[in-house]
Amino acid sequence: MNNYNSPNSDDYTLPPESAEINGIPLKHSGPGIASFVIGLVGFLGHLVTFVLMSLVLNNSFELIGSSISREELAIHPAFVLGSLAFLVCLVFNLIGLILGIIGLALQNRKKVFAVIGTILSGLLILFFTVLVLGGIYLT
């Protein structure tokens, strides 16, 4: 039998931090689970938006021809709606990042989902930022 209160005991082991405290199992943090789900929804939203936007714009280029100007591309409905969808997904990622940080700050809670949600949302925000800055730099 493990004795958690006596460090002088021969069979003294520390309790696993993610399992229980004083015999009470830890729960997953609510904001951490929400962060994970929102991060996943944001990732899938970015992916679906990118694929649909690519397909629609590719079909439009085939119909119109390759002589489309930047101004025509900027007002193309697929481009406008795709850009708005990317911004909506970015807002989801910002919410997921905030909830993940809140989930990490909670004590006596499992932090697995909070860590995954924070990393996923943070990486998607970083990717979007690099994409925008690359677009600004290259034009």
C-alpha atoms as a PDB file:
ATOM      1  CA  MET A   1       0.000   0.000   0.000  1.00  0.00           C
ATOM      2  CA  ASN A   2       1.335   3.428  -0.917  1.00  0.00           C
ATOM      3  CA  ASN A   3       1.570   5.961   1.854  1.00  0.00           C
ATOM      4  CA  TYR A   4       1.451   9.460   0.382  1.00  0.00           C
ATOM      5  CA  ASN A   5       1.878  11.236   3.716  1.00  0.00           C
ATOM      6  CA  SER A   6       5.063   9.612   4.933  1.00  0.00           C
ATOM      7  CA  PRO A   7       8.222  10.361   2.939  1.00  0.00           C
ATOM      8  CA  ASN A   8      10.231   8.042   5.225  1.00  0.00           C
ATOM      9  CA  SER A   9       8.273   4.974   4.186  1.00  0.00           C
ATOM     10  CA  ASP A  10      10.024   2.470   1.913  1.00  0.00           C
ATOM     11  CA  ASP A  11       7.145   2.276  -0.542  1.00  0.00           C
ATOM     12  CA  TYR A  12       6.640   6.038  -0.807  1.00  0.00           C
ATOM     13  CA  THR A  13       5.603   7.185  -4.280  1.00  0.00           C
ATOM     14  CA  LEU A  14       4.145  10.431  -5.464  1.00  0.00           C
ATOM     15  CA  PRO A  15       0.591  10.306  -6.773  1.00  0.00           C
ATOM     16  CA  PRO A  16       0.291  10.925 -10.497  1.00  0.00           C
ATOM     17  CA  GLU A  17      -0.694  14.548 -10.913  1.00  0.00           C
ATOM     18  CA  SER A  18      -3.186  13.885 -13.661  1.00  0.00           C
ATOM     19  CA  ALA A  19      -4.943  11.036 -11.868  1.00  0.00           C
ATOM     20  CA  GLU A  20      -6.148  12.148  -8.449  1.00  0.00           C
ATOM     21  CA  ILE A  21      -5.548  14.318  -5.413  1.00  0.00           C
ATOM     22  CA  ASN A  22      -6.340  12.925  -1.952  1.00  0.00           C
ATOM     23  CA  GLY A  23      -8.191   9.995  -3.518  1.00  0.00           C
ATOM     24  CA  ILE A  24     -10.499  12.240  -5.555  1.00  0.00           C
ATOM     25  CA  PRO A  25     -10.094  11.839  -9.326  1.00  0.00           C
ATOM     26  CA  LEU A  26      -9.394  15.037 -11.220  1.00  0.00           C
ATOM     27  CA  LYS A  27     -11.856  16.248 -13.825  1.00  0.00           C
ATOM     28  CA  HIS A  28     -10.964  17.665 -17.209  1.00  0.00           C
ATOM     29  CA  SER A  29     -11.240  21.429 -17.300  1.00  0.00           C
ATOM     30  CA  GLY A  30     -14.342  22.721 -19.075  1.00  0.00           C
ATOM     31  CA  PRO A  31     -12.516  25.599 -20.788  1.00  0.00           C
ATOM     32  CA  GLY A  32      -9.822  23.127 -21.887  1.00  0.00           C
ATOM     33  CA  ILE A  33     -12.354  20.851 -23.556  1.00  0.00           C
ATOM     34  CA  ALA A  34     -14.030  23.865 -25.169  1.00  0.00           C
ATOM     35  CA  SER A  35     -10.635  25.092 -26.400  1.00  0.00           C
ATOM     36  CA  PHE A  36      -9.897  21.716 -27.959  1.00  0.00           C
ATOM     37  CA  VAL A  37     -13.283  21.514 -29.693  1.00  0.00           C
ATOM     38  CA  ILE A  38     -13.133  25.107 -30.935  1.00  0.00           C
ATOM     39  CA  GLY A  39      -9.553  24.594 -32.150  1.00  0.00           C
ATOM     40  CA  LEU A  40     -10.650  21.497 -34.038  1.00  0.00           C
ATOM     41  CA  VAL A  41     -13.632  23.324 -35.561  1.00  0.00           C
ATOM     42  CA  GLY A  42     -11.341  26.220 -36.550  1.00  0.00           C
ATOM     43  CA  PHE A  43      -8.854  23.841 -38.171  1.00  0.00           C
ATOM     44  CA  LEU A  44     -11.568  22.007 -40.104  1.00  0.00           C
ATOM     45  CA  GLY A  45     -13.090  25.358 -41.094  1.00  0.00           C
ATOM     46  CA  HIS A  46      -9.770  26.583 -42.473  1.00  0.00           C
ATOM     47  CA  LEU A  47      -9.263  23.330 -44.341  1.00  0.00           C
ATOM     48  CA  VAL A  48     -12.760  23.203 -45.869  1.00  0.00           C
ATOM     49  CA  THR A  49     -12.653  26.886 -46.779  1.00  0.00           C
ATOM     50  CA  PHE A  50      -9.267  26.517 -48.472  1.00  0.00           C
ATOM     51  CA  VAL A  51     -10.349  23.462 -50.471  1.00  0.00           C
ATOM     52  CA  LEU A  52     -13.684  24.958 -51.557  1.00  0.00           C
ATOM     53  CA  MET A  53     -12.119  28.302 -52.418  1.00  0.00           C
ATOM     54  CA  SER A  54      -9.420  26.597 -54.465  1.00  0.00           C
ATOM     55  CA  LEU A  55     -11.938  24.490 -56.379  1.00  0.00           C
ATOM     56  CA  VAL A  56     -14.261  27.407 -57.144  1.00  0.00           C
ATOM     57  CA  LEU A  57     -11.464  29.745 -58.190  1.00  0.00           C
ATOM     58  CA  ASN A  58      -9.855  27.035 -60.324  1.00  0.00           C
ATOM     59  CA  ASN A  59     -13.155  26.440 -62.141  1.00  0.00           C
ATOM     60  CA  SER A  60     -13.604  30.201 -62.564  1.00  0.00           C
ATOM     61  CA  PHE A  61     -10.140  30.520 -64.107  1.00  0.00           C
ATOM     62  CA  GLU A  62     -10.949  27.749 -66.570  1.00  0.00           C
ATOM     63  CA  LEU A  63     -14.224  29.445 -67.579  1.00  0.00           C
ATOM     64  CA  ILE A  64     -12.910  33.013 -67.725  1.00  0.00           C
ATOM     65  CA  GLY A  65      -9.433  32.242 -68.971  1.00  0.00           C
ATOM     66  CA  SER A  66      -6.085  33.027 -67.459  1.00  0.00           C
ATOM     67  CA  SER A  67      -6.339  36.734 -68.267  1.00  0.00           C
ATOM     68  CA  ILE A  68      -8.066  37.685 -65.001  1.00  0.00           C
ATOM     69  CA  SER A  69      -6.719  40.797 -63.319  1.00  0.00           C
ATOM     70  CA  ARG A  70      -6.096  41.360 -59.613  1.00  0.00           C
ATOM     71  CA  GLU A  71      -9.068  43.708 -59.398  1.00  0.00           C
ATOM     72  CA  GLU A  72     -11.399  41.109 -60.902  1.00  0.00           C
ATOM     73  CA  LEU A  73     -10.039  38.452 -58.573  1.00  0.00           C
ATOM     74  CA  ALA A  74     -10.443  40.695 -55.513  1.00  0.00           C
ATOM     75  CA  ILE A  75     -14.183  41.144 -56.161  1.00  0.00           C
ATOM     76  CA  HIS A  76     -14.834  37.527 -57.133  1.00  0.00           C
ATOM     77  CA  PRO A  77     -17.602  36.198 -54.833  1.00  0.00           C
ATOM     78  CA  ALA A  78     -15.659  33.026 -53.956  1.00  0.00           C
ATOM     79  CA  PHE A  79     -12.638  35.078 -52.950  1.00  0.00           C
ATOM     80  CA  VAL A  80     -14.715  37.473 -50.831  1.00  0.00           C
ATOM     81  CA  LEU A  81     -16.708  34.714 -49.097  1.00  0.00           C
ATOM     82  CA  GLY A  82     -13.577  32.622 -48.595  1.00  0.00           C
ATOM     83  CA  SER A  83     -11.770  35.552 -47.008  1.00  0.00           C
ATOM     84  CA  LEU A  84     -14.695  36.142 -44.653  1.00  0.00           C
ATOM     85  CA  ALA A  85     -14.759  32.433 -43.767  1.00  0.00           C
ATOM     86  CA  PHE A  86     -11.031  32.552 -42.968  1.00  0.00           C
ATOM     87  CA  LEU A  87     -11.646  35.527 -40.672  1.00  0.00           C
ATOM     88  CA  VAL A  88     -14.501  33.724 -38.904  1.00  0.00           C
ATOM     89  CA  CYS A  89     -12.222  30.722 -38.362  1.00  0.00           C
ATOM     90  CA  LEU A  90      -9.543  33.081 -37.031  1.00  0.00           C
ATOM     91  CA  VAL A  91     -12.028  34.453 -34.477  1.00  0.00           C
ATOM     92  CA  PHE A  92     -12.785  30.843 -33.446  1.00  0.00           C
ATOM     93  CA  ASN A  93      -9.065  30.257 -33.003  1.00  0.00           C
ATOM     94  CA  LEU A  94      -8.687  33.389 -30.865  1.00  0.00           C
ATOM     95  CA  ILE A  95     -11.556  32.235 -28.637  1.00  0.00           C
ATOM     96  CA  GLY A  96     -10.002  28.761 -28.460  1.00  0.00           C
ATOM     97  CA  LEU A  97      -6.632  30.235 -27.489  1.00  0.00           C
ATOM     98  CA  ILE A  98      -8.181  32.311 -24.709  1.00  0.00           C
ATOM     99  CA  LEU A  99     -10.174  29.345 -23.387  1.00  0.00           C
ATOM    100  CA  GLY A 100      -7.058  27.166 -23.539  1.00  0.00           C
ATOM    101  CA  ILE A 101      -5.094  29.633 -21.448  1.00  0.00           C
ATOM    102  CA  ILE A 102      -7.956  29.771 -18.941  1.00  0.00           C
ATOM    103  CA  GLY A 103      -8.008  25.958 -18.861  1.00  0.00           C
ATOM    104  CA  LEU A 104      -4.266  25.884 -18.200  1.00  0.00           C
ATOM    105  CA  ALA A 105      -4.643  28.351 -15.334  1.00  0.00           C
ATOM    106  CA  LEU A 106      -7.247  26.280 -13.480  1.00  0.00           C
ATOM    107  CA  GLN A 107      -5.873  24.273 -10.585  1.00  0.00           C
ATOM    108  CA  ASN A 108      -6.820  20.698  -9.690  1.00  0.00           C
ATOM    109  CA  ARG A 109      -7.956  19.935 -13.232  1.00  0.00           C
ATOM    110  CA  LYS A 110      -6.530  17.770 -15.985  1.00  0.00           C
ATOM    111  CA  LYS A 111      -4.848  19.936 -18.553  1.00  0.00           C
ATOM    112  CA  VAL A 112      -4.590  17.596 -21.563  1.00  0.00           C
ATOM    113  CA  PHE A 113      -7.357  19.185 -23.632  1.00  0.00           C
ATOM    114  CA  ALA A 114      -6.290  22.692 -22.607  1.00  0.00           C
ATOM    115  CA  VAL A 115      -2.731  22.056 -23.829  1.00  0.00           C
ATOM    116  CA  ILE A 116      -3.865  20.515 -27.125  1.00  0.00           C
ATOM    117  CA  GLY A 117      -6.447  23.260 -27.721  1.00  0.00           C
ATOM    118  CA  THR A 118      -3.987  26.035 -26.915  1.00  0.00           C
ATOM    119  CA  ILE A 119      -1.300  24.611 -29.198  1.00  0.00           C
ATOM    120  CA  LEU A 120      -3.744  23.956 -32.049  1.00  0.00           C
ATOM    121  CA  SER A 121      -5.322  27.402 -31.864  1.00  0.00           C
ATOM    122  CA  GLY A 122      -1.956  29.121 -31.436  1.00  0.00           C
ATOM    123  CA  LEU A 123      -0.444  27.339 -34.442  1.00  0.00           C
ATOM    124  CA  LEU A 124      -3.419  28.219 -36.631  1.00  0.00           C
ATOM    125  CA  ILE A 125      -3.207  31.875 -35.591  1.00  0.00           C
ATOM    126  CA  LEU A 126       0.536  31.836 -36.287  1.00  0.00           C
ATOM    127  CA  PHE A 127      -0.037  30.214 -39.697  1.00  0.00           C
ATOM    128  CA  PHE A 128      -2.695  32.798 -40.594  1.00  0.00           C
ATOM    129  CA  THR A 129      -0.410  35.643 -39.498  1.00  0.00           C
ATOM    130  CA  VAL A 130       2.490  34.292 -41.577  1.00  0.00           C
ATOM    131  CA  LEU A 131       0.135  33.872 -44.546  1.00  0.00           C
ATOM    132  CA  VAL A 132      -1.101  37.462 -44.307  1.00  0.00           C
ATOM    133  CA  LEU A 133       2.378  38.921 -43.772  1.00  0.00           C
ATOM    134  CA  GLY A 134       3.715  36.841 -46.665  1.00  0.00           C
ATOM    135  CA  GLY A 135       0.927  38.138 -48.876  1.00  0.00           C
ATOM    136  CA  ILE A 136       1.679  41.722 -47.874  1.00  0.00           C
ATOM    137  CA  TYR A 137       5.398  41.262 -48.405  1.00  0.00           C
ATOM    138  CA  LEU A 138       5.052  39.583 -51.812  1.00  0.00           C
ATOM    139  CA  THR A 139       2.684  42.162 -53.309  1.00  0.00           C
END
